[in-house]
C-alpha atoms as a PDB file:
ATOM      1  CA  MET A   1       1.306 -26.753  61.653  1.00  0.00           C
ATOM      2  CA  PHE A   2       2.824 -27.293  58.252  1.00  0.00           C
ATOM      3  CA  LYS A   3       2.117 -24.681  55.574  1.00  0.00           C
ATOM      4  CA  PRO A   4       2.803 -25.857  52.057  1.00  0.00           C
ATOM      5  CA  PHE A   5       4.871 -23.488  50.012  1.00  0.00           C
ATOM      6  CA  VAL A   6       2.828 -22.309  47.058  1.00  0.00           C
ATOM      7  CA  MET A   7       4.565 -20.225  44.447  1.00  0.00           C
ATOM      8  CA  GLU A   8       2.322 -18.033  42.399  1.00  0.00           C
ATOM      9  CA  GLU A   9       3.321 -18.291  38.810  1.00  0.00           C
ATOM     10  CA  ILE A  10       3.418 -14.896  37.189  1.00  0.00           C
ATOM     11  CA  ILE A  11       3.261 -14.877  33.437  1.00  0.00           C
ATOM     12  CA  VAL A  12       5.320 -12.084  31.980  1.00  0.00           C
ATOM     13  CA  ASN A  13       4.778 -10.929  28.428  1.00  0.00           C
ATOM     14  CA  LYS A  14       8.350 -10.251  27.430  1.00  0.00           C
ATOM     15  CA  VAL A  15       7.304  -9.030  23.983  1.00  0.00           C
ATOM     16  CA  SER A  16       5.147  -6.230  25.387  1.00  0.00           C
ATOM     17  CA  GLU A  17       7.903  -5.248  27.827  1.00  0.00           C
ATOM     18  CA  SER A  18      10.540  -5.171  25.088  1.00  0.00           C
ATOM     19  CA  GLY A  19       9.450  -1.796  23.734  1.00  0.00           C
ATOM     20  CA  LEU A  20       9.079  -3.187  20.229  1.00  0.00           C
ATOM     21  CA  VAL A  21       6.695  -1.433  17.858  1.00  0.00           C
ATOM     22  CA  SER A  22       5.024  -3.835  15.450  1.00  0.00           C
ATOM     23  CA  LEU A  23       4.284  -2.461  11.987  1.00  0.00           C
ATOM     24  CA  ASP A  24       1.899  -4.509   9.849  1.00  0.00           C
ATOM     25  CA  LEU A  25       1.979  -3.380   6.224  1.00  0.00           C
ATOM     26  CA  ALA A  26      -1.398  -5.052   5.681  1.00  0.00           C
ATOM     27  CA  ALA A  27      -2.928  -2.138   7.608  1.00  0.00           C
ATOM     28  CA  TYR A  28      -1.917   0.126   4.706  1.00  0.00           C
ATOM     29  CA  TYR A  29      -3.143  -2.217   1.976  1.00  0.00           C
ATOM     30  CA  PRO A  30      -6.099  -0.807   0.022  1.00  0.00           C
ATOM     31  CA  ALA A  31      -9.482  -1.896   1.309  1.00  0.00           C
ATOM     32  CA  GLU A  32     -11.557  -4.309  -0.741  1.00  0.00           C
ATOM     33  CA  GLY A  33     -13.512  -2.373  -3.379  1.00  0.00           C
ATOM     34  CA  SER A  34     -11.378   0.761  -3.106  1.00  0.00           C
ATOM     35  CA  THR A  35      -9.579   0.073  -6.403  1.00  0.00           C
ATOM     36  CA  VAL A  36     -11.117  -0.174  -9.864  1.00  0.00           C
ATOM     37  CA  VAL A  37      -9.883  -0.467 -13.419  1.00  0.00           C
ATOM     38  CA  PHE A  38     -10.759   1.900 -16.255  1.00  0.00           C
ATOM     39  CA  ASP A  39     -10.013   0.064 -19.500  1.00  0.00           C
ATOM     40  CA  LEU A  40      -9.688   2.123 -22.677  1.00  0.00           C
ATOM     41  CA  LYS A  41     -10.418  -0.888 -24.902  1.00  0.00           C
ATOM     42  CA  PRO A  42     -14.232  -0.437 -25.058  1.00  0.00           C
ATOM     43  CA  PHE A  43     -13.724   3.204 -26.069  1.00  0.00           C
ATOM     44  CA  LEU A  44     -11.759   2.278 -29.191  1.00  0.00           C
ATOM     45  CA  PHE A  45     -13.171   1.854 -32.683  1.00  0.00           C
ATOM     46  CA  MET A  46     -13.382  -1.927 -33.217  1.00  0.00           C
ATOM     47  CA  GLU A  47     -11.416  -2.123 -29.945  1.00  0.00           C
ATOM     48  CA  LEU A  48      -8.276  -1.300 -31.943  1.00  0.00           C
ATOM     49  CA  ILE A  49      -8.154   2.336 -33.022  1.00  0.00           C
ATOM     50  CA  LEU A  50      -8.700   5.517 -31.077  1.00  0.00           C
ATOM     51  CA  LYS A  51     -10.776   8.009 -33.057  1.00  0.00           C
ATOM     52  CA  GLU A  52     -10.587  11.336 -31.256  1.00  0.00           C
ATOM     53  CA  LYS A  53     -14.108  12.581 -31.981  1.00  0.00           C
ATOM     54  CA  ASP A  54     -15.755   9.266 -31.031  1.00  0.00           C
ATOM     55  CA  PHE A  55     -13.529   8.910 -27.986  1.00  0.00           C
ATOM     56  CA  ARG A  56     -14.447  12.358 -26.683  1.00  0.00           C
ATOM     57  CA  GLU A  57     -18.164  11.666 -27.232  1.00  0.00           C
ATOM     58  CA  GLN A  58     -17.990   8.382 -25.325  1.00  0.00           C
ATOM     59  CA  LEU A  59     -16.163  10.051 -22.454  1.00  0.00           C
ATOM     60  CA  LYS A  60     -18.895  12.707 -22.249  1.00  0.00           C
ATOM     61  CA  VAL A  61     -21.648  10.125 -21.739  1.00  0.00           C
ATOM     62  CA  HIS A  62     -19.698   7.788 -19.467  1.00  0.00           C
ATOM     63  CA  ASP A  63     -20.891   7.519 -15.839  1.00  0.00           C
ATOM     64  CA  TRP A  64     -17.893   8.880 -13.935  1.00  0.00           C
ATOM     65  CA  THR A  65     -19.656   8.764 -10.552  1.00  0.00           C
ATOM     66  CA  GLN A  66     -18.877   5.034 -10.270  1.00  0.00           C
ATOM     67  CA  TYR A  67     -15.269   6.023  -9.516  1.00  0.00           C
ATOM     68  CA  ASN A  68     -16.196   8.265  -6.595  1.00  0.00           C
ATOM     69  CA  GLY A  69     -13.622   7.890  -3.800  1.00  0.00           C
ATOM     70  CA  LYS A  70     -11.781   5.066  -5.588  1.00  0.00           C
ATOM     71  CA  PHE A  71      -8.210   4.513  -6.706  1.00  0.00           C
ATOM     72  CA  VAL A  72      -8.419   4.036 -10.467  1.00  0.00           C
ATOM     73  CA  ALA A  73      -6.057   2.007 -12.637  1.00  0.00           C
ATOM     74  CA  VAL A  74      -6.181   3.292 -16.194  1.00  0.00           C
ATOM     75  CA  THR A  75      -5.129   0.665 -18.712  1.00  0.00           C
ATOM     76  CA  CYS A  76      -5.738  -0.591 -22.215  1.00  0.00           C
ATOM     77  CA  THR A  77      -6.124  -4.334 -22.571  1.00  0.00           C
ATOM     78  CA  ALA A  78      -6.205  -4.071 -26.374  1.00  0.00           C
ATOM     79  CA  ASP A  79      -3.023  -4.210 -28.394  1.00  0.00           C
ATOM     80  CA  ALA A  80      -3.429  -0.626 -29.573  1.00  0.00           C
ATOM     81  CA  VAL A  81      -1.341   2.515 -29.700  1.00  0.00           C
ATOM     82  CA  ILE A  82      -2.895   5.017 -27.309  1.00  0.00           C
ATOM     83  CA  PRO A  83      -1.787   8.647 -27.557  1.00  0.00           C
ATOM     84  CA  ILE A  84      -0.720  10.369 -24.341  1.00  0.00           C
ATOM     85  CA  TRP A  85      -3.512  12.950 -24.600  1.00  0.00           C
ATOM     86  CA  ALA A  86      -6.088  10.128 -24.276  1.00  0.00           C
ATOM     87  CA  TYR A  87      -4.765   9.309 -20.806  1.00  0.00           C
ATOM     88  CA  MET A  88      -4.873  13.009 -19.991  1.00  0.00           C
ATOM     89  CA  LEU A  89      -8.540  13.219 -21.050  1.00  0.00           C
ATOM     90  CA  VAL A  90      -9.413  10.235 -18.882  1.00  0.00           C
ATOM     91  CA  ALA A  91      -7.569  11.751 -15.904  1.00  0.00           C
ATOM     92  CA  SER A  92      -9.372  15.038 -16.449  1.00  0.00           C
ATOM     93  CA  ASN A  93     -12.737  13.267 -16.320  1.00  0.00           C
ATOM     94  CA  LEU A  94     -11.786  11.167 -13.311  1.00  0.00           C
ATOM     95  CA  GLN A  95     -10.389  14.057 -11.268  1.00  0.00           C
ATOM     96  CA  PRO A  96     -13.642  15.251  -9.675  1.00  0.00           C
ATOM     97  CA  PHE A  97     -14.446  11.713  -8.505  1.00  0.00           C
ATOM     98  CA  ALA A  98     -11.422   9.445  -8.093  1.00  0.00           C
ATOM     99  CA  LYS A  99      -9.185   9.532  -5.050  1.00  0.00           C
ATOM    100  CA  ALA A 100      -6.153   9.013  -7.323  1.00  0.00           C
ATOM    101  CA  VAL A 101      -5.360   7.676 -10.790  1.00  0.00           C
ATOM    102  CA  PHE A 102      -2.505   5.501 -11.985  1.00  0.00           C
ATOM    103  CA  VAL A 103      -1.472   3.994 -15.288  1.00  0.00           C
ATOM    104  CA  SER A 104      -1.699   0.468 -14.061  1.00  0.00           C
ATOM    105  CA  ASN A 105      -3.536  -2.809 -14.311  1.00  0.00           C
ATOM    106  CA  GLU A 106      -5.790  -4.666 -11.926  1.00  0.00           C
ATOM    107  CA  LYS A 107      -2.901  -6.587 -10.376  1.00  0.00           C
ATOM    108  CA  ASP A 108      -0.521  -3.677  -9.821  1.00  0.00           C
ATOM    109  CA  ILE A 109      -2.973  -0.987  -8.651  1.00  0.00           C
ATOM    110  CA  LYS A 110      -3.075  -2.410  -5.121  1.00  0.00           C
ATOM    111  CA  GLU A 111       0.705  -2.329  -4.852  1.00  0.00           C
ATOM    112  CA  LYS A 112       0.783   1.267  -6.093  1.00  0.00           C
ATOM    113  CA  VAL A 113      -1.818   2.306  -3.522  1.00  0.00           C
ATOM    114  CA  LEU A 114       0.069   0.460  -0.780  1.00  0.00           C
ATOM    115  CA  LEU A 115       3.296   2.282  -1.718  1.00  0.00           C
ATOM    116  CA  ARG A 116       1.405   5.590  -1.759  1.00  0.00           C
ATOM    117  CA  ASN A 117       0.027   4.857   1.714  1.00  0.00           C
ATOM    118  CA  ILE A 118       3.510   4.009   3.003  1.00  0.00           C
ATOM    119  CA  GLU A 119       4.847   7.256   1.545  1.00  0.00           C
ATOM    120  CA  GLY A 120       2.106   9.147   3.408  1.00  0.00           C
ATOM    121  CA  LEU A 121       2.970   7.697   6.829  1.00  0.00           C
ATOM    122  CA  ASN A 122       4.188   9.973   9.602  1.00  0.00           C
ATOM    123  CA  PHE A 123       7.564   8.374  10.219  1.00  0.00           C
ATOM    124  CA  GLU A 124       8.290  10.606  13.215  1.00  0.00           C
ATOM    125  CA  GLU A 125       6.087   8.306  15.305  1.00  0.00           C
ATOM    126  CA  PHE A 126       8.799   5.661  14.830  1.00  0.00           C
ATOM    127  CA  ALA A 127      11.639   7.986  15.856  1.00  0.00           C
ATOM    128  CA  GLY A 128      14.054   6.224  18.204  1.00  0.00           C
ATOM    129  CA  LYS A 129      11.872   3.117  18.351  1.00  0.00           C
ATOM    130  CA  ARG A 130      12.651  -0.542  17.802  1.00  0.00           C
ATOM    131  CA  VAL A 131      10.384  -1.450  14.880  1.00  0.00           C
ATOM    132  CA  VAL A 132       9.391  -4.937  13.780  1.00  0.00           C
ATOM    133  CA  VAL A 133       7.947  -4.996  10.273  1.00  0.00           C
ATOM    134  CA  LYS A 134       5.505  -7.890  10.286  1.00  0.00           C
ATOM    135  CA  GLY A 135       6.421 -10.679   7.920  1.00  0.00           C
ATOM    136  CA  CYS A 136       3.799 -13.244   7.083  1.00  0.00           C
ATOM    137  CA  GLY A 137       0.190 -12.485   6.419  1.00  0.00           C
ATOM    138  CA  GLU A 138      -2.744 -13.253   4.182  1.00  0.00           C
ATOM    139  CA  LEU A 139      -2.380 -10.251   1.876  1.00  0.00           C
ATOM    140  CA  PRO A 140       0.178 -10.245  -0.948  1.00  0.00           C
ATOM    141  CA  ILE A 141       2.605  -7.595   0.316  1.00  0.00           C
ATOM    142  CA  SER A 142       5.254  -7.018  -2.347  1.00  0.00           C
ATOM    143  CA  GLU A 143       8.984  -6.720  -2.002  1.00  0.00           C
ATOM    144  CA  SER A 144       8.573  -3.085  -3.095  1.00  0.00           C
ATOM    145  CA  ALA A 145       6.555  -2.334   0.028  1.00  0.00           C
ATOM    146  CA  TYR A 146       9.190  -3.862   2.321  1.00  0.00           C
ATOM    147  CA  LEU A 147      11.879  -1.955   0.445  1.00  0.00           C
ATOM    148  CA  ALA A 148       9.974   1.337   0.761  1.00  0.00           C
ATOM    149  CA  ILE A 149       9.189   0.962   4.475  1.00  0.00           C
ATOM    150  CA  THR A 150      12.788   0.048   5.288  1.00  0.00           C
ATOM    151  CA  PHE A 151      14.137   2.969   3.301  1.00  0.00           C
ATOM    152  CA  LYS A 152      11.863   5.390   5.180  1.00  0.00           C
ATOM    153  CA  LEU A 153      12.290   3.857   8.650  1.00  0.00           C
ATOM    154  CA  ARG A 154      16.077   3.724   8.530  1.00  0.00           C
ATOM    155  CA  SER A 155      16.431   7.475   8.966  1.00  0.00           C
ATOM    156  CA  VAL A 156      14.319   7.562  12.161  1.00  0.00           C
ATOM    157  CA  ALA A 157      14.154   4.151  13.854  1.00  0.00           C
ATOM    158  CA  LYS A 158      16.515   2.899  16.534  1.00  0.00           C
ATOM    159  CA  SER A 159      16.356  -0.529  14.913  1.00  0.00           C
ATOM    160  CA  ILE A 160      14.436  -2.347  12.218  1.00  0.00           C
ATOM    161  CA  MET A 161      13.591  -6.028  12.316  1.00  0.00           C
ATOM    162  CA  TYR A 162      11.562  -8.322  10.098  1.00  0.00           C
ATOM    163  CA  GLY A 163       9.172 -11.029  11.254  1.00  0.00           C
ATOM    164  CA  GLU A 164       7.158 -11.327  14.449  1.00  0.00           C
ATOM    165  CA  PRO A 165       8.115  -9.815  17.825  1.00  0.00           C
ATOM    166  CA  CYS A 166       8.838 -13.312  19.177  1.00  0.00           C
ATOM    167  CA  SER A 167      11.090 -14.224  16.242  1.00  0.00           C
ATOM    168  CA  THR A 168      12.801 -11.475  14.290  1.00  0.00           C
ATOM    169  CA  VAL A 169      15.496 -11.056  11.700  1.00  0.00           C
ATOM    170  CA  PRO A 170      17.615  -7.955  12.380  1.00  0.00           C
ATOM    171  CA  ILE A 171      17.751  -5.545   9.443  1.00  0.00           C
ATOM    172  CA  PHE A 172      19.259  -2.322  10.806  1.00  0.00           C
ATOM    173  CA  LYS A 173      20.525  -0.971  14.106  1.00  0.00           C
ATOM    174  CA  ASN A 174      21.387   2.667  14.653  1.00  0.00           C
ATOM    175  CA  ARG A 175      24.538   2.522  16.777  1.00  0.00           C
ATOM    176  CA  ASN A 176      24.285   6.248  17.550  1.00  0.00           C
ATOM    177  CA  VAL A 177      21.078   5.898  19.583  1.00  0.00           C
ATOM    178  CA  GLU A 178      21.477   5.153  23.303  1.00  0.00           C
ATOM    179  CA  LYS A 179      20.188   1.829  24.581  1.00  0.00           C
END
């Protein structure tokens, strides 16, 4: 009796077997609603001049609880000269509520938070590993973030690549680490 030869096709995921660690910077991007802007402009006399007494009074009655747990970008959208102590007063009022404060604008606050989150990573978890820093995505990850992650990873990673695990661009290889 004839037995047909049937070969079972086994699908092997070569990416998962490669030992690559994928690092998606979008995971460290600030969550929607976690950043807000505090604009000094409405606190200025005629939106042009900072009068200390009036400024202090307005700060006293301002609802600071709206910044609870948020990253706050302090800015002034008016073309006015703002003394340094004004920023210090705002920071002092924000401190019990805000997660962190930055002199920034609405556009740049997310990048600053992303860089802060990268700085706070435990890079020892990447020690001796082959790391792929994910390339394309829907969030606007800046060049600064890729620069920062590469700078930090280089001292611990076996290798650093950019892109997707199936298609990478080599960035760094530590020749002193065994294969």
